[in-house]
């Protein structure tokens, strides 16, 4: 039983570490201006020459966010787009300095 508990703890640490690493990568790319947050709660590449890792990260982050927004929209009987915009405000409060934000008019502003 002790082995099972240790194995479970090890697996939890690996999963948590991977989640933290992904978040650190997103923060790094956002602060470098490679990935921008959007007004609708998703992220996008802001530069044409972004590394493949950044492109993959955008796809993963948006898929996870889309899943969250769809579930919340279903529970609250509202449009997915409305949920994304609400989440966007919360995400921007936690975004690192230097993050670019795409506004609804298509322009960018940078978080100081």
C-alpha atoms as a PDB file:
ATOM      1  CA  UNK A   1       0.000   0.000   0.000  1.00  0.00           C
ATOM      2  CA  UNK A   2       2.869   2.387   0.733  1.00  0.00           C
ATOM      3  CA  UNK A   3       4.168   1.805  -2.798  1.00  0.00           C
ATOM      4  CA  UNK A   4       0.775   2.718  -4.265  1.00  0.00           C
ATOM      5  CA  UNK A   5       0.647   5.914  -2.189  1.00  0.00           C
ATOM      6  CA  UNK A   6       4.160   6.882  -3.275  1.00  0.00           C
ATOM      7  CA  UNK A   7       3.342   6.152  -6.898  1.00  0.00           C
ATOM      8  CA  UNK A   8       0.174   8.241  -6.686  1.00  0.00           C
ATOM      9  CA  UNK A   9       2.125  11.116  -5.126  1.00  0.00           C
ATOM     10  CA  UNK A  10       4.778  10.888  -7.836  1.00  0.00           C
ATOM     11  CA  UNK A  11       2.171  10.919 -10.605  1.00  0.00           C
ATOM     12  CA  UNK A  12       0.431  13.903  -9.030  1.00  0.00           C
ATOM     13  CA  UNK A  13       3.739  15.777  -8.863  1.00  0.00           C
ATOM     14  CA  UNK A  14       4.468  15.042 -12.524  1.00  0.00           C
ATOM     15  CA  UNK A  15       1.022  16.204 -13.642  1.00  0.00           C
ATOM     16  CA  UNK A  16       1.202  19.342 -11.499  1.00  0.00           C
ATOM     17  CA  UNK A  17       4.703  20.063 -12.771  1.00  0.00           C
ATOM     18  CA  UNK A  18       3.566  19.770 -16.381  1.00  0.00           C
ATOM     19  CA  UNK A  19       0.672  22.148 -15.730  1.00  0.00           C
ATOM     20  CA  UNK A  20       2.964  24.696 -14.086  1.00  0.00           C
ATOM     21  CA  UNK A  21       5.479  24.355 -16.934  1.00  0.00           C
ATOM     22  CA  UNK A  22       2.774  25.000 -19.529  1.00  0.00           C
ATOM     23  CA  UNK A  23       1.632  28.075 -17.623  1.00  0.00           C
ATOM     24  CA  UNK A  24       5.210  29.337 -17.396  1.00  0.00           C
ATOM     25  CA  UNK A  25       5.620  28.888 -21.150  1.00  0.00           C
ATOM     26  CA  UNK A  26       2.446  30.841 -21.827  1.00  0.00           C
ATOM     27  CA  UNK A  27       3.565  33.621 -19.496  1.00  0.00           C
ATOM     28  CA  UNK A  28       6.964  33.724 -21.169  1.00  0.00           C
ATOM     29  CA  UNK A  29       5.519  33.936 -24.669  1.00  0.00           C
ATOM     30  CA  UNK A  30       2.974  36.549 -23.581  1.00  0.00           C
ATOM     31  CA  UNK A  31       5.580  38.754 -21.893  1.00  0.00           C
ATOM     32  CA  UNK A  32       7.782  38.486 -25.011  1.00  0.00           C
ATOM     33  CA  UNK A  33       4.889  39.569 -27.223  1.00  0.00           C
ATOM     34  CA  UNK A  34       4.817  36.308 -29.193  1.00  0.00           C
ATOM     35  CA  UNK A  35       1.369  35.290 -27.926  1.00  0.00           C
ATOM     36  CA  UNK A  36      -1.387  37.831 -27.348  1.00  0.00           C
ATOM     37  CA  UNK A  37      -4.508  37.544 -25.250  1.00  0.00           C
ATOM     38  CA  UNK A  38      -7.715  38.440 -27.035  1.00  0.00           C
ATOM     39  CA  UNK A  39     -10.793  40.323 -25.900  1.00  0.00           C
ATOM     40  CA  UNK A  40     -12.852  37.156 -26.424  1.00  0.00           C
ATOM     41  CA  UNK A  41     -10.935  34.972 -23.963  1.00  0.00           C
ATOM     42  CA  UNK A  42      -8.673  33.171 -26.403  1.00  0.00           C
ATOM     43  CA  UNK A  43      -5.016  33.595 -27.337  1.00  0.00           C
ATOM     44  CA  UNK A  44      -3.373  34.088 -30.713  1.00  0.00           C
ATOM     45  CA  UNK A  45       0.060  34.350 -32.229  1.00  0.00           C
ATOM     46  CA  UNK A  46       1.062  37.979 -32.580  1.00  0.00           C
ATOM     47  CA  UNK A  47       4.152  37.418 -34.717  1.00  0.00           C
ATOM     48  CA  UNK A  48       4.496  35.569 -38.021  1.00  0.00           C
ATOM     49  CA  UNK A  49       7.789  33.880 -37.132  1.00  0.00           C
ATOM     50  CA  UNK A  50       6.612  32.286 -33.864  1.00  0.00           C
ATOM     51  CA  UNK A  51       8.301  29.010 -32.934  1.00  0.00           C
ATOM     52  CA  UNK A  52       6.390  25.773 -33.465  1.00  0.00           C
ATOM     53  CA  UNK A  53       6.178  25.324 -29.678  1.00  0.00           C
ATOM     54  CA  UNK A  54       4.277  28.618 -29.393  1.00  0.00           C
ATOM     55  CA  UNK A  55       1.900  27.582 -32.184  1.00  0.00           C
ATOM     56  CA  UNK A  56       1.161  24.302 -30.424  1.00  0.00           C
ATOM     57  CA  UNK A  57       0.692  26.095 -27.125  1.00  0.00           C
ATOM     58  CA  UNK A  58      -1.902  28.437 -28.666  1.00  0.00           C
ATOM     59  CA  UNK A  59      -3.837  25.439 -29.974  1.00  0.00           C
ATOM     60  CA  UNK A  60      -3.747  23.650 -26.598  1.00  0.00           C
ATOM     61  CA  UNK A  61      -4.683  26.722 -24.562  1.00  0.00           C
ATOM     62  CA  UNK A  62      -7.563  27.624 -26.868  1.00  0.00           C
ATOM     63  CA  UNK A  63      -8.890  24.055 -26.854  1.00  0.00           C
ATOM     64  CA  UNK A  64      -8.884  23.980 -23.044  1.00  0.00           C
ATOM     65  CA  UNK A  65     -10.490  27.411 -22.805  1.00  0.00           C
ATOM     66  CA  UNK A  66     -13.119  26.542 -25.428  1.00  0.00           C
ATOM     67  CA  UNK A  67     -14.056  23.452 -23.429  1.00  0.00           C
ATOM     68  CA  UNK A  68     -14.408  25.507 -20.229  1.00  0.00           C
ATOM     69  CA  UNK A  69     -16.438  28.227 -21.959  1.00  0.00           C
ATOM     70  CA  UNK A  70     -18.785  25.721 -23.622  1.00  0.00           C
ATOM     71  CA  UNK A  71     -19.476  23.900 -20.369  1.00  0.00           C
ATOM     72  CA  UNK A  72     -20.146  27.158 -18.519  1.00  0.00           C
ATOM     73  CA  UNK A  73     -22.364  28.443 -21.335  1.00  0.00           C
ATOM     74  CA  UNK A  74     -24.423  25.235 -21.271  1.00  0.00           C
ATOM     75  CA  UNK A  75     -24.869  25.439 -17.491  1.00  0.00           C
ATOM     76  CA  UNK A  76     -25.900  29.080 -17.589  1.00  0.00           C
ATOM     77  CA  UNK A  77     -27.825  28.924 -20.872  1.00  0.00           C
ATOM     78  CA  UNK A  78     -25.846  31.766 -22.449  1.00  0.00           C
ATOM     79  CA  UNK A  79     -23.732  32.162 -25.579  1.00  0.00           C
ATOM     80  CA  UNK A  80     -20.196  30.776 -25.505  1.00  0.00           C
ATOM     81  CA  UNK A  81     -18.869  34.130 -26.764  1.00  0.00           C
ATOM     82  CA  UNK A  82     -20.336  35.923 -23.750  1.00  0.00           C
ATOM     83  CA  UNK A  83     -18.621  33.507 -21.370  1.00  0.00           C
ATOM     84  CA  UNK A  84     -15.292  33.982 -23.146  1.00  0.00           C
ATOM     85  CA  UNK A  85     -15.497  37.748 -22.804  1.00  0.00           C
ATOM     86  CA  UNK A  86     -16.168  37.469 -19.066  1.00  0.00           C
ATOM     87  CA  UNK A  87     -13.232  35.108 -18.618  1.00  0.00           C
ATOM     88  CA  UNK A  88     -11.015  37.413 -20.699  1.00  0.00           C
ATOM     89  CA  UNK A  89     -11.353  40.136 -18.081  1.00  0.00           C
ATOM     90  CA  UNK A  90     -10.202  37.744 -15.357  1.00  0.00           C
ATOM     91  CA  UNK A  91      -7.340  36.391 -17.447  1.00  0.00           C
ATOM     92  CA  UNK A  92      -6.046  39.891 -18.164  1.00  0.00           C
ATOM     93  CA  UNK A  93      -5.901  40.682 -14.450  1.00  0.00           C
ATOM     94  CA  UNK A  94      -3.364  37.850 -14.048  1.00  0.00           C
ATOM     95  CA  UNK A  95      -1.431  38.308 -17.296  1.00  0.00           C
ATOM     96  CA  UNK A  96       2.240  39.245 -16.975  1.00  0.00           C
ATOM     97  CA  UNK A  97       3.559  42.688 -17.733  1.00  0.00           C
ATOM     98  CA  UNK A  98       4.277  43.129 -21.423  1.00  0.00           C
ATOM     99  CA  UNK A  99       1.346  41.002 -22.574  1.00  0.00           C
ATOM    100  CA  UNK A 100      -0.311  42.247 -25.730  1.00  0.00           C
ATOM    101  CA  UNK A 101      -4.098  42.294 -25.822  1.00  0.00           C
ATOM    102  CA  UNK A 102      -6.049  42.249 -29.066  1.00  0.00           C
ATOM    103  CA  UNK A 103      -9.042  44.538 -28.711  1.00  0.00           C
ATOM    104  CA  UNK A 104     -12.431  44.128 -30.380  1.00  0.00           C
ATOM    105  CA  UNK A 105     -11.461  46.670 -33.075  1.00  0.00           C
ATOM    106  CA  UNK A 106      -8.492  44.503 -34.134  1.00  0.00           C
ATOM    107  CA  UNK A 107      -5.792  46.687 -32.598  1.00  0.00           C
ATOM    108  CA  UNK A 108      -3.363  45.783 -29.847  1.00  0.00           C
ATOM    109  CA  UNK A 109      -2.565  47.353 -26.529  1.00  0.00           C
ATOM    110  CA  UNK A 110       0.151  46.275 -24.147  1.00  0.00           C
ATOM    111  CA  UNK A 111      -0.228  45.663 -20.444  1.00  0.00           C
ATOM    112  CA  UNK A 112       2.368  47.819 -18.658  1.00  0.00           C
END
